[in-house]
Protein backbone atom coordinates (compact mmCIF):
# COMPACT_ATOMS: atom_id res chain seq x y z
CA MET A 1 -11.78 -14.39 -8.37
CA ASP A 2 -14.47 -12.42 -10.12
CA GLU A 3 -14.26 -8.63 -10.35
CA ARG A 4 -16.85 -8.02 -7.61
CA SER A 5 -15.02 -10.23 -5.12
CA TYR A 6 -11.76 -8.49 -5.91
CA ALA A 7 -13.29 -5.02 -5.56
CA ASP A 8 -14.88 -5.98 -2.24
CA LEU A 9 -11.56 -7.34 -0.97
CA VAL A 10 -9.80 -4.10 -1.92
CA ALA A 11 -12.48 -2.09 -0.11
CA LEU A 12 -12.17 -4.31 2.98
CA CYS A 13 -8.39 -3.80 3.08
CA GLN A 14 -8.90 -0.04 2.93
CA PHE A 15 -10.65 -0.32 6.30
CA LEU A 16 -7.61 -1.95 7.89
CA PRO A 17 -4.37 -0.24 8.95
CA GLY A 18 -1.29 -1.24 7.02
CA PRO A 19 -0.28 -1.64 3.36
CA ALA A 20 -3.52 -2.25 1.46
CA SER A 21 -1.82 -3.70 -1.63
CA SER A 22 0.04 -6.31 0.42
CA GLN A 23 -3.12 -7.12 2.35
CA VAL A 24 -5.00 -7.72 -0.89
CA GLY A 25 -2.26 -10.10 -1.98
CA ILE A 26 -2.35 -11.92 1.34
CA GLY A 27 -6.14 -12.19 1.09
CA ILE A 28 -5.99 -13.68 -2.40
CA GLY A 29 -3.38 -16.19 -1.25
CA LEU A 30 -5.53 -17.14 1.75
CA MET A 31 -8.56 -17.73 -0.48
CA ARG A 32 -6.63 -19.88 -2.93
CA GLY A 33 -4.37 -21.85 -0.61
CA GLY A 34 -5.06 -21.24 3.07
CA ILE A 35 -2.31 -20.04 5.40
CA ILE A 36 0.43 -21.47 3.16
CA GLY A 37 -1.09 -19.69 0.19
CA ALA A 38 -1.20 -16.42 2.13
CA ILE A 39 2.48 -16.76 3.08
CA LEU A 40 3.52 -17.62 -0.47
CA ALA A 41 1.48 -14.75 -1.91
CA PHE A 42 3.09 -12.34 0.55
CA ILE A 43 6.59 -13.58 -0.30
CA GLY A 44 5.95 -13.40 -4.03
CA PHE A 45 4.50 -9.89 -3.84
CA THR A 46 7.09 -8.47 -1.43
CA LEU A 47 10.39 -10.28 -2.00
CA PRO A 48 11.54 -8.43 -5.18
CA SER A 49 11.23 -5.04 -3.47
CA VAL A 50 12.82 -6.33 -0.26
CA LEU A 51 15.83 -7.69 -2.12
CA ALA A 52 16.24 -4.57 -4.22
CA LEU A 53 16.13 -2.17 -1.27
CA THR A 54 18.37 -4.37 0.85
CA LEU A 55 20.96 -4.37 -1.94
CA PHE A 56 20.63 -0.60 -2.18
CA ALA A 57 21.37 -0.36 1.52
CA LEU A 58 24.37 -2.69 1.41
CA PHE A 59 26.04 -1.60 -1.82
CA MET A 60 24.78 1.89 -2.82
CA GLN A 61 24.74 3.95 0.36
CA GLY A 62 27.34 6.37 -0.94
CA MET A 63 25.62 7.12 -4.23
CA ASP A 64 23.38 10.13 -4.83
CA LEU A 65 20.42 8.08 -5.99
CA ALA A 66 17.86 10.83 -5.55
CA ASP A 67 19.43 12.89 -8.35
CA ALA A 68 20.14 10.04 -10.77
CA GLY A 69 18.43 10.49 -14.13
CA TRP A 70 17.27 6.90 -14.44
CA ILE A 71 15.76 7.05 -10.95
CA HIS A 72 13.76 10.10 -12.02
CA GLY A 73 12.62 8.21 -15.09
CA LEU A 74 11.37 5.35 -12.93
CA LYS A 75 9.38 7.85 -10.85
CA LEU A 76 7.69 8.97 -14.07
CA VAL A 77 6.95 5.31 -14.79
CA ALA A 78 5.20 5.20 -11.42
CA VAL A 79 3.08 8.20 -12.44
CA ALA A 80 1.96 6.43 -15.60
CA ILE A 81 1.28 3.12 -13.84
CA VAL A 82 -0.78 4.66 -11.04
CA ALA A 83 -2.72 6.79 -13.55
CA HIS A 84 -3.43 3.65 -15.55
CA ALA A 85 -4.66 1.86 -12.41
CA VAL A 86 -6.89 4.77 -11.34
CA TYR A 87 -8.38 5.03 -14.82
CA GLY A 88 -9.15 1.31 -14.93
CA MET A 89 -10.69 1.24 -11.46
CA GLY A 90 -12.72 4.35 -12.23
CA GLN A 91 -14.27 2.71 -15.27
CA LYS A 92 -15.47 -0.19 -13.10
CA LEU A 93 -16.18 1.34 -9.70
CA ALA A 94 -17.00 5.03 -10.27
CA THR A 95 -19.52 4.91 -13.11
CA GLY A 96 -22.71 6.96 -13.05
CA ARG A 97 -23.31 10.40 -11.60
CA SER A 98 -23.55 9.46 -7.94
CA ARG A 99 -20.49 7.21 -7.82
CA LEU A 100 -18.40 9.67 -9.81
CA THR A 101 -19.50 12.43 -7.45
CA ILE A 102 -18.44 10.35 -4.44
CA ALA A 103 -15.04 9.67 -6.06
CA VAL A 104 -14.36 13.33 -6.90
CA ALA A 105 -15.55 14.50 -3.49
CA ALA A 106 -13.33 11.94 -1.77
CA ALA A 107 -10.33 13.04 -3.85
CA SER A 108 -10.96 16.70 -3.03
CA VAL A 109 -11.30 16.12 0.70
CA ALA A 110 -8.24 13.85 0.78
CA LEU A 111 -6.17 16.56 -0.90
CA LEU A 112 -7.46 19.44 1.23
CA TRP A 113 -7.06 17.58 4.54
CA PRO A 114 -4.28 15.04 3.91
CA THR A 115 -4.26 13.05 7.16
CA PRO A 116 -4.69 9.34 7.87
CA ALA A 117 -7.81 10.15 9.92
CA THR A 118 -9.31 11.91 6.91
CA GLN A 119 -9.03 8.80 4.77
CA VAL A 120 -10.67 6.64 7.42
CA LEU A 121 -13.48 9.19 7.79
CA LEU A 122 -13.96 9.29 4.03
CA ILE A 123 -14.34 5.53 3.83
CA VAL A 124 -16.82 5.48 6.72
CA CYS A 125 -18.87 8.33 5.23
CA ALA A 126 -18.85 6.74 1.76
CA GLY A 127 -20.09 3.50 3.28
CA ALA A 128 -22.94 5.33 5.02
CA ILE A 129 -23.84 7.13 1.79
CA GLY A 130 -23.77 3.81 -0.04
CA VAL A 131 -26.27 2.31 2.40
CA ILE A 132 -28.65 5.20 1.68
CA LEU A 133 -28.19 5.53 -2.10
CA TYR A 134 -27.76 1.93 -3.21
CA ARG A 135 -30.01 -0.05 -0.89
CA GLU A 136 -32.43 -0.78 -3.76
CA THR A 137 -29.91 -1.14 -6.59
CA SER A 138 -27.00 -3.00 -5.03
CA GLU A 139 -26.67 -6.45 -6.56
CA ALA A 140 -26.15 -9.55 -4.50
CA ALA A 141 -22.74 -11.14 -4.46
CA SER A 142 -22.65 -13.33 -7.54
CA SER A 143 -19.98 -15.74 -6.38
CA HIS A 144 -18.93 -17.60 -3.29
CA VAL A 145 -15.30 -17.43 -2.25
CA THR A 146 -14.15 -20.09 0.20
CA ILE A 147 -11.95 -18.88 3.04
CA ARG A 148 -9.74 -21.78 4.08
CA LEU A 149 -9.53 -20.74 7.69
CA SER A 150 -11.79 -21.14 10.71
CA ARG A 151 -13.29 -18.23 12.58
CA THR A 152 -11.51 -19.43 15.69
CA ALA A 153 -8.18 -18.98 13.94
CA GLY A 154 -9.32 -15.52 12.87
CA VAL A 155 -10.13 -14.53 16.44
CA ILE A 156 -6.73 -15.82 17.59
CA CYS A 157 -4.96 -13.67 14.98
CA LEU A 158 -6.90 -10.56 15.99
CA PHE A 159 -6.14 -11.24 19.66
CA LEU A 160 -2.43 -11.72 18.88
CA PHE A 161 -2.38 -8.42 16.97
CA ILE A 162 -3.73 -6.54 19.99
CA VAL A 163 -1.49 -8.34 22.50
CA LEU A 164 1.70 -7.60 20.53
CA LEU A 165 0.71 -3.96 20.08
CA GLY A 166 0.41 -3.53 23.83
CA LEU A 167 3.11 -5.95 25.04
CA LEU A 168 6.06 -5.04 22.80
CA PRO A 169 6.56 -1.53 24.23
CA VAL A 170 6.53 -2.98 27.75
CA LEU A 171 9.11 -5.63 26.86
CA ARG A 172 11.18 -2.99 25.10
CA GLU A 173 11.43 -0.87 28.22
CA SER A 174 11.90 -3.77 30.65
CA THR A 175 14.59 -5.69 28.73
CA GLY A 176 16.52 -2.90 27.01
CA ALA A 177 17.27 -5.23 24.09
CA GLU A 178 18.05 -3.22 20.96
CA TRP A 179 16.64 -5.80 18.54
CA LEU A 180 13.37 -5.83 20.49
CA ALA A 181 13.24 -2.04 20.39
CA VAL A 182 13.73 -2.11 16.62
CA PHE A 183 11.04 -4.78 16.24
CA ASP A 184 8.63 -2.74 18.37
CA SER A 185 9.25 0.43 16.32
CA PHE A 186 8.52 -1.33 13.04
CA TYR A 187 5.50 -3.22 14.44
CA ARG A 188 3.86 -0.09 15.82
CA SER A 189 4.54 1.80 12.59
CA GLY A 190 2.85 -0.96 10.60
CA SER A 191 -0.08 -1.15 13.03
CA LEU A 192 -1.09 2.49 13.22
CA VAL A 193 -0.92 3.66 9.62
CA PHE A 194 -3.87 4.27 7.33
CA GLY A 195 -3.33 5.55 3.83
CA GLY A 196 -0.43 3.59 2.40
CA GLY A 197 3.33 3.68 2.34
CA HIS A 198 3.84 7.42 2.10
CA VAL A 199 2.14 7.86 5.47
CA VAL A 200 4.48 5.44 7.25
CA LEU A 201 7.65 7.29 6.19
CA PRO A 202 7.42 10.13 8.75
CA LEU A 203 6.68 7.58 11.47
CA LEU A 204 9.78 5.61 10.58
CA GLU A 205 11.87 8.78 10.48
CA ARG A 206 10.78 9.72 13.99
CA GLU A 207 11.51 6.20 15.24
CA PHE A 208 14.93 5.66 13.70
CA VAL A 209 16.72 8.94 12.90
CA PRO A 210 16.69 10.52 16.41
CA THR A 211 17.83 7.23 17.96
CA GLY A 212 20.90 7.17 15.71
CA TRP A 213 20.01 3.81 14.15
CA ILE A 214 20.14 5.49 10.73
CA SER A 215 21.46 8.89 9.67
CA SER A 216 19.25 11.51 8.09
CA GLU A 217 21.33 11.33 4.88
CA ASP A 218 20.98 7.56 4.61
CA PHE A 219 17.25 7.83 5.32
CA LEU A 220 16.71 10.33 2.50
CA ALA A 221 18.85 8.32 0.08
CA GLY A 222 16.83 5.21 0.85
CA TYR A 223 13.60 7.12 0.38
CA GLY A 224 14.70 8.07 -3.12
CA ALA A 225 15.50 4.44 -3.88
CA ALA A 226 12.19 3.23 -2.45
CA GLN A 227 10.28 5.59 -4.74
CA ALA A 228 11.87 3.97 -7.78
CA VAL A 229 11.63 0.30 -6.78
CA PRO A 230 8.43 -1.56 -7.76
CA GLY A 231 6.45 -3.04 -4.91
CA PRO A 232 4.87 -1.85 -1.65
CA LEU A 233 6.56 1.21 -0.15
CA PHE A 234 6.43 -0.48 3.25
CA THR A 235 9.51 -2.44 2.14
CA PHE A 236 11.45 0.76 2.85
CA ALA A 237 11.65 -0.87 6.29
CA SER A 238 13.92 -3.52 4.74
CA TYR A 239 16.34 -0.77 3.72
CA ILE A 240 16.39 0.70 7.23
CA GLY A 241 16.84 -2.75 8.73
CA ALA A 242 19.76 -3.47 6.40
CA ILE A 243 21.43 -0.19 7.38
CA TRP A 244 21.00 -1.11 11.04
CA GLY A 245 21.86 -4.80 10.98
CA GLY A 246 22.67 -6.13 7.51
CA TRP A 247 20.68 -9.01 6.04
CA MET A 248 19.36 -10.14 9.42
CA GLY A 249 18.28 -6.58 10.19
CA ALA A 250 16.44 -6.41 6.87
CA LEU A 251 14.65 -9.69 7.65
CA LEU A 252 13.69 -8.52 11.14
CA ALA A 253 12.38 -5.20 9.82
CA THR A 254 10.37 -6.83 7.03
CA VAL A 255 8.68 -9.32 9.34
CA ALA A 256 7.95 -6.70 11.99
CA ILE A 257 6.36 -4.07 9.75
CA PHE A 258 4.22 -6.52 7.75
CA LEU A 259 3.17 -8.75 10.66
CA PRO A 260 0.28 -6.47 11.74
CA ALA A 261 -1.17 -6.46 8.22
CA PHE A 262 -0.86 -10.24 8.04
CA LEU A 263 -2.61 -10.79 11.37
CA LEU A 264 -5.41 -8.35 10.55
CA VAL A 265 -6.22 -9.82 7.14
CA ILE A 266 -6.18 -13.40 8.38
CA GLY A 267 -8.24 -12.35 11.40
CA VAL A 268 -10.95 -10.53 9.42
CA LEU A 269 -11.34 -12.64 6.27
CA PRO A 270 -13.07 -15.66 7.89
CA PHE A 271 -15.97 -13.30 8.65
CA TRP A 272 -15.89 -11.59 5.24
CA GLN A 273 -18.15 -13.95 3.27
CA SER A 274 -21.08 -13.51 5.63
CA LEU A 275 -20.55 -9.74 5.68
CA ARG A 276 -20.57 -9.37 1.91
CA ARG A 277 -23.87 -11.33 1.69
CA ASN A 278 -25.50 -8.72 3.88
CA ALA A 279 -27.52 -6.26 1.77
CA ARG A 280 -26.45 -3.22 3.76
CA MET A 281 -22.82 -4.27 3.63
CA ARG A 282 -23.03 -4.65 -0.17
CA SER A 283 -24.56 -1.19 -0.43
CA ALA A 284 -21.85 0.25 1.81
CA LEU A 285 -19.12 -1.39 -0.26
CA THR A 286 -20.56 0.21 -3.40
CA GLY A 287 -20.01 3.62 -1.85
CA VAL A 288 -16.64 2.65 -0.40
CA ASN A 289 -15.38 1.41 -3.77
CA ALA A 290 -16.17 4.79 -5.33
CA ALA A 291 -14.40 6.59 -2.49
CA VAL A 292 -11.35 4.35 -2.91
CA VAL A 293 -11.08 5.51 -6.52
CA GLY A 294 -11.12 9.10 -5.26
CA ILE A 295 -8.46 8.41 -2.63
CA LEU A 296 -6.25 6.81 -5.26
CA LEU A 297 -6.83 9.80 -7.54
CA ALA A 298 -5.71 12.11 -4.73
CA ALA A 299 -2.59 9.98 -4.17
CA LEU A 300 -1.85 10.14 -7.89
CA TYR A 301 -1.79 13.92 -7.68
CA ASP A 302 -0.07 14.26 -4.30
CA PRO A 303 2.53 13.01 -3.63
CA ILE A 304 3.17 11.06 -6.85
CA PHE A 305 2.53 13.73 -9.50
CA THR A 306 3.57 16.78 -7.49
CA SER A 307 6.87 15.26 -6.35
CA THR A 308 7.80 13.88 -9.77
CA VAL A 309 6.49 16.01 -12.63
CA ALA A 310 8.45 19.26 -12.46
CA SER A 311 8.67 20.29 -16.12
CA ALA A 312 6.95 20.03 -19.48
CA ALA A 313 9.41 17.29 -20.44
CA ASP A 314 8.46 15.27 -17.36
CA PHE A 315 4.77 15.58 -18.20
CA ALA A 316 5.35 14.63 -21.84
CA LEU A 317 7.29 11.49 -20.87
CA ALA A 318 4.70 10.47 -18.24
CA ALA A 319 1.87 10.98 -20.75
CA ALA A 320 3.69 8.94 -23.38
CA LEU A 321 4.25 6.12 -20.91
CA PHE A 322 0.56 6.20 -19.97
CA VAL A 323 -0.46 5.90 -23.63
CA MET A 324 1.96 3.00 -24.06
CA LEU A 325 0.24 1.24 -21.16
CA GLN A 326 -3.36 2.16 -21.84
CA SER A 327 -3.61 2.17 -25.63
CA TRP A 328 -0.65 0.18 -26.93
CA ARG A 329 -0.87 -2.45 -24.15
CA LEU A 330 2.92 -2.80 -23.99
CA PRO A 331 4.35 -5.04 -21.24
CA PRO A 332 5.51 -3.34 -18.02
CA TRP A 333 9.19 -4.14 -18.57
CA VAL A 334 9.13 -2.12 -21.78
CA ILE A 335 7.61 0.82 -19.92
CA VAL A 336 10.33 0.59 -17.25
CA ILE A 337 13.15 0.57 -19.82
CA VAL A 338 11.68 3.45 -21.81
CA GLY A 339 11.02 5.45 -18.64
CA ALA A 340 14.54 4.95 -17.27
CA ALA A 341 16.10 5.89 -20.60
CA GLY A 342 13.81 8.91 -20.95
CA GLY A 343 14.69 10.07 -17.45
CA MET A 344 18.40 9.95 -18.28
CA ILE A 345 17.82 12.00 -21.43
CA ILE A 346 15.72 14.60 -19.60
CA SER A 347 18.32 14.96 -16.85
CA THR A 348 21.23 15.59 -19.21
């Protein structure tokens, strides 16, 4: 993929509910290898985090992971990695006065009114501003990306998404099956969330803690582990599923919470190529891309920075890790090791 196609795909996934990072991965897999490619891309992107959190649930439930020094160090690694990503995207998508202004305004609004509806409104407004500001300057899509899926298949996936969203609660009440109730809770949580993994956590807490499927203590311990594990935060569902039903529970939870994102991406992408050729759509995506940078900047500050950097030592370690990534170009595994070790030293 070229950079423009990738940026447009990221912007498209921001419009859809669910985990945007996983949806981008699914979209890339669909473009390269059809449905099989989408499935393989999803497995490759998600499986490491699923396995790690499932093992946490099965073998580390009694440990105080939230206060472990190396866990804190990995949170600081996350600060550096997200800052590196925001900086890189800003250099490509938020250049010039108008785009930078859109990005900063989006970040400010997202921080002042931190709701999922705010993020959706920001993206819509940025798209409208893009149509007005960039209608003469927006460049045509320079490459053609083949979507190996028919529009009929896309319509079927969108229809299935809607049917499951409405039918699962009915089946849950009529059958009384616990596994179906769990599946419905995860599916609805994955269907109605805009704004990433941190937004889905309160939904999952309301679904699973009051019902007694997971205790409040286990939920908070798993949240600490999920913060430290690389990968999409939606895989926290795998942890909850493992607490509820072991390996099979983890599998059920993972499929249920990611299924909406999978159906939406596969349903929308067959129509994407014609949309991105449209001049107004290209102009809108220019504005949306700048707003996405702002939304990511807001997420970098809250909750990532505010919940992790609590002292001068924390800031110094996070800054050093950022320099190692940005300037020294060290591989990620080195950053992880240094961050974990630094977190242990800070916590002593």
